[in-house]
All heavy atoms as atom14 arrays in JSON, in Angstrom:
{
  "sequence": "FVGHQKDMGRLKLLLTDLKPKSSYCLIFSYRLAGEKVGKLRVFLA",
  "atom14_mask": [
    [1, 1, 1, 1, 1, 1, 1, 1, 1, 1, 1, 0, 0, 0],
    [1, 1, 1, 1, 1, 1, 1, 0, 0, 0, 0, 0, 0, 0],
    [1, 1, 1, 1, 0, 0, 0, 0, 0, 0, 0, 0, 0, 0],
    [1, 1, 1, 1, 1, 1, 1, 1, 1, 1, 0, 0, 0, 0],
    [1, 1, 1, 1, 1, 1, 1, 1, 1, 0, 0, 0, 0, 0],
    [1, 1, 1, 1, 1, 1, 1, 1, 1, 0, 0, 0, 0, 0],
    [1, 1, 1, 1, 1, 1, 1, 1, 0, 0, 0, 0, 0, 0],
    [1, 1, 1, 1, 1, 1, 1, 1, 0, 0, 0, 0, 0, 0],
    [1, 1, 1, 1, 0, 0, 0, 0, 0, 0, 0, 0, 0, 0],
    [1, 1, 1, 1, 1, 1, 1, 1, 1, 1, 1, 0, 0, 0],
    [1, 1, 1, 1, 1, 1, 1, 1, 0, 0, 0, 0, 0, 0],
    [1, 1, 1, 1, 1, 1, 1, 1, 1, 0, 0, 0, 0, 0],
    [1, 1, 1, 1, 1, 1, 1, 1, 0, 0, 0, 0, 0, 0],
    [1, 1, 1, 1, 1, 1, 1, 1, 0, 0, 0, 0, 0, 0],
    [1, 1, 1, 1, 1, 1, 1, 1, 0, 0, 0, 0, 0, 0],
    [1, 1, 1, 1, 1, 1, 1, 0, 0, 0, 0, 0, 0, 0],
    [1, 1, 1, 1, 1, 1, 1, 1, 0, 0, 0, 0, 0, 0],
    [1, 1, 1, 1, 1, 1, 1, 1, 0, 0, 0, 0, 0, 0],
    [1, 1, 1, 1, 1, 1, 1, 1, 1, 0, 0, 0, 0, 0],
    [1, 1, 1, 1, 1, 1, 1, 0, 0, 0, 0, 0, 0, 0],
    [1, 1, 1, 1, 1, 1, 1, 1, 1, 0, 0, 0, 0, 0],
    [1, 1, 1, 1, 1, 1, 0, 0, 0, 0, 0, 0, 0, 0],
    [1, 1, 1, 1, 1, 1, 0, 0, 0, 0, 0, 0, 0, 0],
    [1, 1, 1, 1, 1, 1, 1, 1, 1, 1, 1, 1, 0, 0],
    [1, 1, 1, 1, 1, 1, 0, 0, 0, 0, 0, 0, 0, 0],
    [1, 1, 1, 1, 1, 1, 1, 1, 0, 0, 0, 0, 0, 0],
    [1, 1, 1, 1, 1, 1, 1, 1, 0, 0, 0, 0, 0, 0],
    [1, 1, 1, 1, 1, 1, 1, 1, 1, 1, 1, 0, 0, 0],
    [1, 1, 1, 1, 1, 1, 0, 0, 0, 0, 0, 0, 0, 0],
    [1, 1, 1, 1, 1, 1, 1, 1, 1, 1, 1, 1, 0, 0],
    [1, 1, 1, 1, 1, 1, 1, 1, 1, 1, 1, 0, 0, 0],
    [1, 1, 1, 1, 1, 1, 1, 1, 0, 0, 0, 0, 0, 0],
    [1, 1, 1, 1, 1, 0, 0, 0, 0, 0, 0, 0, 0, 0],
    [1, 1, 1, 1, 0, 0, 0, 0, 0, 0, 0, 0, 0, 0],
    [1, 1, 1, 1, 1, 1, 1, 1, 1, 0, 0, 0, 0, 0],
    [1, 1, 1, 1, 1, 1, 1, 1, 1, 0, 0, 0, 0, 0],
    [1, 1, 1, 1, 1, 1, 1, 0, 0, 0, 0, 0, 0, 0],
    [1, 1, 1, 1, 0, 0, 0, 0, 0, 0, 0, 0, 0, 0],
    [1, 1, 1, 1, 1, 1, 1, 1, 1, 0, 0, 0, 0, 0],
    [1, 1, 1, 1, 1, 1, 1, 1, 0, 0, 0, 0, 0, 0],
    [1, 1, 1, 1, 1, 1, 1, 1, 1, 1, 1, 0, 0, 0],
    [1, 1, 1, 1, 1, 1, 1, 0, 0, 0, 0, 0, 0, 0],
    [1, 1, 1, 1, 1, 1, 1, 1, 1, 1, 1, 0, 0, 0],
    [1, 1, 1, 1, 1, 1, 1, 1, 0, 0, 0, 0, 0, 0],
    [1, 1, 1, 1, 1, 0, 0, 0, 0, 0, 0, 0, 0, 0]
  ],
  "atom14_positions": [
    [[-20.09, -0.7, -17.26], [-21.5, -1.05, -17.5], [-21.86, -2.47, -17.07], [-23.0, -2.88, -17.17], [-21.85, -0.85, -18.97], [-20.99, -1.64, -19.91], [-21.23, -2.98, -20.16], [-19.91, -1.04, -20.54], [-20.41, -3.71, -21.01], [-19.1, -1.75, -21.4], [-19.34, -3.1, -21.63], [0.0, 0.0, 0.0], [0.0, 0.0, 0.0], [0.0, 0.0, 0.0]],
    [[-20.9, -3.25, -16.58], [-21.18, -4.64, -16.18], [-21.91, -4.66, -14.83], [-21.49, -4.01, -13.88], [-19.86, -5.44, -16.07], [-20.07, -6.78, -15.4], [-19.25, -5.62, -17.45], [0.0, 0.0, 0.0], [0.0, 0.0, 0.0], [0.0, 0.0, 0.0], [0.0, 0.0, 0.0], [0.0, 0.0, 0.0], [0.0, 0.0, 0.0], [0.0, 0.0, 0.0]],
    [[-23.0, -5.42, -14.76], [-23.71, -5.6, -13.5], [-24.54, -4.39, -13.09], [-24.76, -3.47, -13.87], [0.0, 0.0, 0.0], [0.0, 0.0, 0.0], [0.0, 0.0, 0.0], [0.0, 0.0, 0.0], [0.0, 0.0, 0.0], [0.0, 0.0, 0.0], [0.0, 0.0, 0.0], [0.0, 0.0, 0.0], [0.0, 0.0, 0.0], [0.0, 0.0, 0.0]],
    [[-25.0, -4.43, -11.85], [-25.8, -3.35, -11.27], [-24.98, -2.64, -10.21], [-24.0, -3.19, -9.72], [-27.06, -3.93, -10.62], [-27.92, -4.7, -11.57], [-28.65, -4.1, -12.57], [-28.14, -6.03, -11.69], [-29.3, -5.02, -13.26], [-29.0, -6.21, -12.75], [0.0, 0.0, 0.0], [0.0, 0.0, 0.0], [0.0, 0.0, 0.0], [0.0, 0.0, 0.0]],
    [[-25.41, -1.43, -9.84], [-24.69, -0.68, -8.83], [-24.5, -1.53, -7.57], [-25.42, -2.24, -7.15], [-25.44, 0.6, -8.49], [-24.62, 1.52, -7.61], [-25.3, 2.85, -7.37], [-26.29, 3.18, -7.99], [-24.75, 3.62, -6.47], [0.0, 0.0, 0.0], [0.0, 0.0, 0.0], [0.0, 0.0, 0.0], [0.0, 0.0, 0.0], [0.0, 0.0, 0.0]],
    [[-23.32, -1.44, -6.99], [-22.89, -2.17, -5.78], [-22.59, -3.64, -6.03], [-22.21, -4.35, -5.11], [-23.91, -2.04, -4.64], [-24.21, -0.61, -4.26], [-23.57, -0.26, -2.95], [-23.96, 1.13, -2.52], [-22.85, 1.97, -2.18], [0.0, 0.0, 0.0], [0.0, 0.0, 0.0], [0.0, 0.0, 0.0], [0.0, 0.0, 0.0], [0.0, 0.0, 0.0]],
    [[-22.77, -4.16, -7.26], [-22.33, -5.53, -7.56], [-20.81, -5.61, -7.41], [-20.11, -4.63, -7.63], [-22.71, -5.93, -8.99], [-24.15, -6.4, -9.11], [-24.87, -6.41, -8.09], [-24.56, -6.75, -10.23], [0.0, 0.0, 0.0], [0.0, 0.0, 0.0], [0.0, 0.0, 0.0], [0.0, 0.0, 0.0], [0.0, 0.0, 0.0], [0.0, 0.0, 0.0]],
    [[-20.33, -6.8, -7.07], [-18.9, -7.02, -6.83], [-18.34, -8.08, -7.77], [-19.01, -9.06, -8.08], [-18.67, -7.55, -5.42], [-19.29, -6.75, -4.33], [-18.25, -5.38, -3.88], [-19.13, -4.77, -2.48], [0.0, 0.0, 0.0], [0.0, 0.0, 0.0], [0.0, 0.0, 0.0], [0.0, 0.0, 0.0], [0.0, 0.0, 0.0], [0.0, 0.0, 0.0]],
    [[-17.09, -7.88, -8.17], [-16.34, -8.89, -8.9], [-15.01, -9.07, -8.2], [-14.34, -8.09, -7.88], [0.0, 0.0, 0.0], [0.0, 0.0, 0.0], [0.0, 0.0, 0.0], [0.0, 0.0, 0.0], [0.0, 0.0, 0.0], [0.0, 0.0, 0.0], [0.0, 0.0, 0.0], [0.0, 0.0, 0.0], [0.0, 0.0, 0.0], [0.0, 0.0, 0.0]],
    [[-14.63, -10.32, -7.91], [-13.38, -10.58, -7.17], [-12.45, -11.47, -7.96], [-12.88, -12.48, -8.51], [-13.7, -11.23, -5.83], [-14.42, -10.32, -4.88], [-14.67, -10.98, -3.52], [-15.75, -10.29, -2.87], [-17.04, -10.62, -2.98], [-17.4, -11.66, -3.69], [-17.96, -9.93, -2.36], [0.0, 0.0, 0.0], [0.0, 0.0, 0.0], [0.0, 0.0, 0.0]],
    [[-11.19, -11.08, -7.97], [-10.14, -11.85, -8.63], [-9.09, -12.14, -7.56], [-8.55, -11.23, -6.95], [-9.54, -11.0, -9.76], [-8.53, -11.66, -10.66], [-9.15, -12.83, -11.43], [-7.97, -10.63, -11.65], [0.0, 0.0, 0.0], [0.0, 0.0, 0.0], [0.0, 0.0, 0.0], [0.0, 0.0, 0.0], [0.0, 0.0, 0.0], [0.0, 0.0, 0.0]],
    [[-8.85, -13.45, -7.33], [-7.92, -13.85, -6.26], [-6.59, -14.3, -6.81], [-6.53, -15.04, -7.79], [-8.51, -15.02, -5.48], [-9.61, -14.63, -4.55], [-10.04, -15.78, -3.69], [-11.18, -15.33, -2.8], [-11.76, -16.4, -2.03], [0.0, 0.0, 0.0], [0.0, 0.0, 0.0], [0.0, 0.0, 0.0], [0.0, 0.0, 0.0], [0.0, 0.0, 0.0]],
    [[-5.54, -13.83, -6.16], [-4.19, -14.29, -6.43], [-3.82, -15.25, -5.31], [-3.74, -14.86, -4.15], [-3.22, -13.1, -6.45], [-1.74, -13.43, -6.5], [-1.39, -14.26, -7.73], [-0.91, -12.15, -6.46], [0.0, 0.0, 0.0], [0.0, 0.0, 0.0], [0.0, 0.0, 0.0], [0.0, 0.0, 0.0], [0.0, 0.0, 0.0], [0.0, 0.0, 0.0]],
    [[-3.67, -16.54, -5.66], [-3.32, -17.54, -4.66], [-1.82, -17.51, -4.44], [-1.04, -17.6, -5.39], [-3.77, -18.93, -5.11], [-5.26, -19.05, -5.45], [-5.61, -20.48, -5.82], [-6.12, -18.6, -4.29], [0.0, 0.0, 0.0], [0.0, 0.0, 0.0], [0.0, 0.0, 0.0], [0.0, 0.0, 0.0], [0.0, 0.0, 0.0], [0.0, 0.0, 0.0]],
    [[-1.42, -17.36, -3.18], [0.0, -17.29, -2.84], [0.41, -18.58, -2.14], [-0.19, -18.96, -1.15], [0.26, -16.11, -1.91], [-0.13, -14.74, -2.45], [0.02, -13.68, -1.37], [0.7, -14.39, -3.66], [0.0, 0.0, 0.0], [0.0, 0.0, 0.0], [0.0, 0.0, 0.0], [0.0, 0.0, 0.0], [0.0, 0.0, 0.0], [0.0, 0.0, 0.0]],
    [[1.42, -19.22, -2.66], [1.93, -20.43, -2.02], [3.39, -20.2, -1.69], [4.05, -19.34, -2.29], [1.8, -21.65, -2.95], [2.43, -21.34, -4.19], [0.34, -22.0, -3.2], [0.0, 0.0, 0.0], [0.0, 0.0, 0.0], [0.0, 0.0, 0.0], [0.0, 0.0, 0.0], [0.0, 0.0, 0.0], [0.0, 0.0, 0.0], [0.0, 0.0, 0.0]],
    [[3.88, -20.92, -0.75], [5.3, -20.89, -0.37], [5.79, -19.56, 0.19], [6.97, -19.25, 0.09], [6.2, -21.28, -1.56], [5.82, -22.63, -2.15], [5.4, -23.5, -1.37], [5.93, -22.8, -3.37], [0.0, 0.0, 0.0], [0.0, 0.0, 0.0], [0.0, 0.0, 0.0], [0.0, 0.0, 0.0], [0.0, 0.0, 0.0], [0.0, 0.0, 0.0]],
    [[4.9, -18.75, 0.77], [5.39, -17.56, 1.46], [5.92, -17.99, 2.82], [5.27, -18.75, 3.52], [4.28, -16.52, 1.66], [3.76, -15.79, 0.43], [2.86, -14.64, 0.86], [4.88, -15.28, -0.44], [0.0, 0.0, 0.0], [0.0, 0.0, 0.0], [0.0, 0.0, 0.0], [0.0, 0.0, 0.0], [0.0, 0.0, 0.0], [0.0, 0.0, 0.0]],
    [[7.1, -17.5, 3.18], [7.71, -17.9, 4.44], [7.04, -17.19, 5.61], [6.84, -15.97, 5.55], [9.2, -17.55, 4.43], [10.0, -18.35, 3.45], [11.48, -18.07, 3.64], [12.26, -18.57, 2.46], [12.73, -17.5, 1.6], [0.0, 0.0, 0.0], [0.0, 0.0, 0.0], [0.0, 0.0, 0.0], [0.0, 0.0, 0.0], [0.0, 0.0, 0.0]],
    [[6.71, -17.93, 6.69], [6.17, -17.27, 7.88], [7.2, -16.31, 8.46], [8.4, -16.49, 8.26], [5.9, -18.42, 8.86], [5.96, -19.67, 8.04], [6.79, -19.37, 6.84], [0.0, 0.0, 0.0], [0.0, 0.0, 0.0], [0.0, 0.0, 0.0], [0.0, 0.0, 0.0], [0.0, 0.0, 0.0], [0.0, 0.0, 0.0], [0.0, 0.0, 0.0]],
    [[6.71, -15.31, 9.17], [7.56, -14.32, 9.82], [8.49, -13.6, 8.84], [9.63, -13.32, 9.15], [8.36, -14.96, 10.97], [7.45, -15.52, 12.05], [8.24, -15.93, 13.26], [7.35, -16.16, 14.43], [6.71, -17.38, 14.61], [0.0, 0.0, 0.0], [0.0, 0.0, 0.0], [0.0, 0.0, 0.0], [0.0, 0.0, 0.0], [0.0, 0.0, 0.0]],
    [[7.97, -13.35, 7.65], [8.7, -12.58, 6.65], [7.82, -11.42, 6.2], [6.63, -11.43, 6.43], [9.01, -13.45, 5.43], [9.81, -14.54, 5.78], [0.0, 0.0, 0.0], [0.0, 0.0, 0.0], [0.0, 0.0, 0.0], [0.0, 0.0, 0.0], [0.0, 0.0, 0.0], [0.0, 0.0, 0.0], [0.0, 0.0, 0.0], [0.0, 0.0, 0.0]],
    [[8.43, -10.44, 5.55], [7.62, -9.36, 4.99], [7.79, -9.34, 3.49], [8.84, -9.69, 2.95], [7.99, -8.03, 5.61], [9.36, -7.79, 5.5], [0.0, 0.0, 0.0], [0.0, 0.0, 0.0], [0.0, 0.0, 0.0], [0.0, 0.0, 0.0], [0.0, 0.0, 0.0], [0.0, 0.0, 0.0], [0.0, 0.0, 0.0], [0.0, 0.0, 0.0]],
    [[6.72, -8.93, 2.82], [6.68, -8.87, 1.36], [6.05, -7.56, 0.95], [5.33, -6.94, 1.73], [5.85, -10.03, 0.79], [6.46, -11.37, 1.06], [6.14, -12.08, 2.2], [7.35, -11.95, 0.16], [6.71, -13.31, 2.47], [7.92, -13.18, 0.4], [7.6, -13.86, 1.56], [8.17, -15.08, 1.81], [0.0, 0.0, 0.0], [0.0, 0.0, 0.0]],
    [[6.28, -7.19, -0.29], [5.64, -6.0, -0.84], [4.91, -6.4, -2.11], [5.5, -7.02, -3.01], [6.68, -4.94, -1.16], [5.95, -3.44, -1.87], [0.0, 0.0, 0.0], [0.0, 0.0, 0.0], [0.0, 0.0, 0.0], [0.0, 0.0, 0.0], [0.0, 0.0, 0.0], [0.0, 0.0, 0.0], [0.0, 0.0, 0.0], [0.0, 0.0, 0.0]],
    [[3.62, -6.1, -2.16], [2.81, -6.34, -3.35], [2.7, -5.01, -4.08], [2.23, -4.02, -3.51], [1.42, -6.84, -2.95], [0.49, -7.19, -4.1], [0.92, -8.51, -4.72], [-0.94, -7.28, -3.63], [0.0, 0.0, 0.0], [0.0, 0.0, 0.0], [0.0, 0.0, 0.0], [0.0, 0.0, 0.0], [0.0, 0.0, 0.0], [0.0, 0.0, 0.0]],
    [[3.2, -4.97, -5.31], [3.16, -3.76, -6.13], [2.29, -4.06, -7.34], [2.42, -5.13, -7.94], [4.58, -3.36, -6.57], [5.48, -3.15, -5.34], [4.54, -2.08, -7.42], [6.94, -2.94, -5.68], [0.0, 0.0, 0.0], [0.0, 0.0, 0.0], [0.0, 0.0, 0.0], [0.0, 0.0, 0.0], [0.0, 0.0, 0.0], [0.0, 0.0, 0.0]],
    [[1.41, -3.14, -7.69], [0.51, -3.38, -8.83], [0.16, -2.07, -9.51], [0.24, -1.0, -8.91], [-0.77, -4.11, -8.38], [-1.53, -3.4, -7.3], [-2.6, -2.58, -7.61], [-1.18, -3.55, -5.96], [-3.3, -1.91, -6.61], [-1.87, -2.89, -4.95], [-2.93, -2.07, -5.28], [0.0, 0.0, 0.0], [0.0, 0.0, 0.0], [0.0, 0.0, 0.0]],
    [[-0.22, -2.17, -10.77], [-0.72, -1.0, -11.51], [-2.24, -1.07, -11.49], [-2.81, -2.17, -11.57], [-0.25, -1.05, -12.96], [1.15, -0.98, -13.01], [0.0, 0.0, 0.0], [0.0, 0.0, 0.0], [0.0, 0.0, 0.0], [0.0, 0.0, 0.0], [0.0, 0.0, 0.0], [0.0, 0.0, 0.0], [0.0, 0.0, 0.0], [0.0, 0.0, 0.0]],
    [[-2.88, 0.08, -11.4], [-4.34, 0.1, -11.4], [-4.81, 1.36, -12.11], [-4.08, 2.34, -12.22], [-4.9, 0.04, -9.98], [-4.65, 1.28, -9.17], [-5.61, 2.3, -9.11], [-3.46, 1.46, -8.47], [-5.37, 3.45, -8.38], [-3.22, 2.61, -7.75], [-4.18, 3.59, -7.7], [-3.95, 4.74, -6.99], [0.0, 0.0, 0.0], [0.0, 0.0, 0.0]],
    [[-6.06, 1.3, -12.57], [-6.67, 2.45, -13.22], [-8.16, 2.45, -12.95], [-8.82, 1.42, -13.07], [-6.42, 2.37, -14.72], [-6.93, 3.58, -15.46], [-6.48, 3.57, -16.89], [-7.29, 2.59, -17.64], [-7.44, 2.62, -18.94], [-6.81, 3.52, -19.66], [-8.19, 1.75, -19.55], [0.0, 0.0, 0.0], [0.0, 0.0, 0.0], [0.0, 0.0, 0.0]],
    [[-8.68, 3.62, -12.55], [-10.11, 3.83, -12.41], [-10.46, 4.91, -13.41], [-10.16, 6.08, -13.2], [-10.47, 4.27, -10.99], [-10.26, 3.17, -9.95], [-9.5, 3.68, -8.76], [-11.57, 2.58, -9.54], [0.0, 0.0, 0.0], [0.0, 0.0, 0.0], [0.0, 0.0, 0.0], [0.0, 0.0, 0.0], [0.0, 0.0, 0.0], [0.0, 0.0, 0.0]],
    [[-11.04, 4.5, -14.54], [-11.32, 5.44, -15.62], [-12.83, 5.59, -15.77], [-13.56, 4.61, -15.82], [-10.73, 4.91, -16.93], [0.0, 0.0, 0.0], [0.0, 0.0, 0.0], [0.0, 0.0, 0.0], [0.0, 0.0, 0.0], [0.0, 0.0, 0.0], [0.0, 0.0, 0.0], [0.0, 0.0, 0.0], [0.0, 0.0, 0.0], [0.0, 0.0, 0.0]],
    [[-13.3, 6.83, -15.81], [-14.73, 7.08, -16.0], [-15.36, 7.73, -14.79], [-14.89, 7.59, -13.67], [0.0, 0.0, 0.0], [0.0, 0.0, 0.0], [0.0, 0.0, 0.0], [0.0, 0.0, 0.0], [0.0, 0.0, 0.0], [0.0, 0.0, 0.0], [0.0, 0.0, 0.0], [0.0, 0.0, 0.0], [0.0, 0.0, 0.0], [0.0, 0.0, 0.0]],
    [[-16.44, 8.44, -15.03], [-17.17, 9.14, -13.98], [-17.95, 8.13, -13.13], [-18.67, 7.3, -13.66], [-18.14, 10.13, -14.65], [-18.85, 11.05, -13.7], [-17.96, 12.11, -13.08], [-16.93, 12.44, -13.7], [-18.29, 12.59, -11.99], [0.0, 0.0, 0.0], [0.0, 0.0, 0.0], [0.0, 0.0, 0.0], [0.0, 0.0, 0.0], [0.0, 0.0, 0.0]],
    [[-17.79, 8.17, -11.82], [-18.51, 7.29, -10.88], [-18.39, 5.82, -11.28], [-19.37, 5.07, -11.27], [-19.98, 7.7, -10.79], [-20.15, 9.1, -10.24], [-21.6, 9.49, -10.1], [-21.69, 10.88, -9.52], [-22.9, 11.57, -9.8], [0.0, 0.0, 0.0], [0.0, 0.0, 0.0], [0.0, 0.0, 0.0], [0.0, 0.0, 0.0], [0.0, 0.0, 0.0]],
    [[-17.16, 5.4, -11.62], [-16.93, 4.03, -12.11], [-17.05, 2.99, -11.0], [-17.39, 1.85, -11.26], [-15.57, 3.94, -12.85], [-14.42, 4.03, -11.87], [-15.49, 2.69, -13.69], [0.0, 0.0, 0.0], [0.0, 0.0, 0.0], [0.0, 0.0, 0.0], [0.0, 0.0, 0.0], [0.0, 0.0, 0.0], [0.0, 0.0, 0.0], [0.0, 0.0, 0.0]],
    [[-16.79, 3.38, -9.76], [-16.9, 2.42, -8.66], [-15.66, 2.43, -7.79], [-14.95, 3.43, -7.72], [0.0, 0.0, 0.0], [0.0, 0.0, 0.0], [0.0, 0.0, 0.0], [0.0, 0.0, 0.0], [0.0, 0.0, 0.0], [0.0, 0.0, 0.0], [0.0, 0.0, 0.0], [0.0, 0.0, 0.0], [0.0, 0.0, 0.0], [0.0, 0.0, 0.0]],
    [[-15.4, 1.29, -7.12], [-14.28, 1.19, -6.18], [-13.42, -0.02, -6.5], [-13.94, -1.04, -6.96], [-14.8, 1.03, -4.75], [-15.52, 2.24, -4.22], [-15.98, 2.01, -2.8], [-16.76, 3.23, -2.33], [-17.34, 3.05, -1.02], [0.0, 0.0, 0.0], [0.0, 0.0, 0.0], [0.0, 0.0, 0.0], [0.0, 0.0, 0.0], [0.0, 0.0, 0.0]],
    [[-12.15, 0.1, -6.2], [-11.23, -1.02, -6.26], [-10.67, -1.2, -4.86], [-10.2, -0.24, -4.25], [-10.1, -0.73, -7.25], [-9.0, -1.79, -7.35], [-9.56, -3.12, -7.85], [-7.88, -1.32, -8.26], [0.0, 0.0, 0.0], [0.0, 0.0, 0.0], [0.0, 0.0, 0.0], [0.0, 0.0, 0.0], [0.0, 0.0, 0.0], [0.0, 0.0, 0.0]],
    [[-10.78, -2.42, -4.35], [-10.28, -2.74, -3.01], [-9.35, -3.94, -3.1], [-9.5, -4.77, -3.98], [-11.42, -3.1, -2.07], [-12.41, -2.03, -1.83], [-13.45, -2.51, -0.81], [-14.54, -1.56, -0.75], [-15.71, -1.71, -1.37], [-15.95, -2.77, -2.1], [-16.65, -0.81, -1.26], [0.0, 0.0, 0.0], [0.0, 0.0, 0.0], [0.0, 0.0, 0.0]],
    [[-8.45, -4.02, -2.12], [-7.57, -5.18, -2.01], [-7.71, -5.73, -0.59], [-7.64, -4.98, 0.39], [-6.1, -4.83, -2.31], [-5.22, -6.06, -2.18], [-5.96, -4.2, -3.69], [0.0, 0.0, 0.0], [0.0, 0.0, 0.0], [0.0, 0.0, 0.0], [0.0, 0.0, 0.0], [0.0, 0.0, 0.0], [0.0, 0.0, 0.0], [0.0, 0.0, 0.0]],
    [[-7.93, -7.04, -0.51], [-8.05, -7.74, 0.76], [-6.94, -8.78, 0.88], [-6.58, -9.4, -0.12], [-9.39, -8.49, 0.85], [-10.59, -7.62, 0.9], [-11.18, -7.16, -0.27], [-11.16, -7.25, 2.11], [-12.3, -6.35, -0.24], [-12.29, -6.44, 2.16], [-12.86, -5.99, 0.98], [0.0, 0.0, 0.0], [0.0, 0.0, 0.0], [0.0, 0.0, 0.0]],
    [[-6.44, -8.97, 2.1], [-5.53, -10.08, 2.38], [-6.34, -11.17, 3.07], [-7.23, -10.88, 3.86], [-4.38, -9.63, 3.28], [-3.48, -8.54, 2.71], [-2.39, -8.16, 3.72], [-2.85, -8.99, 1.4], [0.0, 0.0, 0.0], [0.0, 0.0, 0.0], [0.0, 0.0, 0.0], [0.0, 0.0, 0.0], [0.0, 0.0, 0.0], [0.0, 0.0, 0.0]],
    [[-6.01, -12.42, 2.78], [-6.8, -13.55, 3.27], [-6.92, -13.57, 4.78], [-7.96, -13.92, 5.32], [-6.19, -14.86, 2.8], [0.0, 0.0, 0.0], [0.0, 0.0, 0.0], [0.0, 0.0, 0.0], [0.0, 0.0, 0.0], [0.0, 0.0, 0.0], [0.0, 0.0, 0.0], [0.0, 0.0, 0.0], [0.0, 0.0, 0.0], [0.0, 0.0, 0.0]]
  ]
}
């Protein structure tokens, strides 16, 4: 119920000290509960 339809909320995880030319795996738990609750997206900087 927070905000209006299509409003966005962003939470950033700042990453420091990642080595160049390396690979990492980001693992997370998520839940979308409720009818037409919206979308969850993940962006890399």
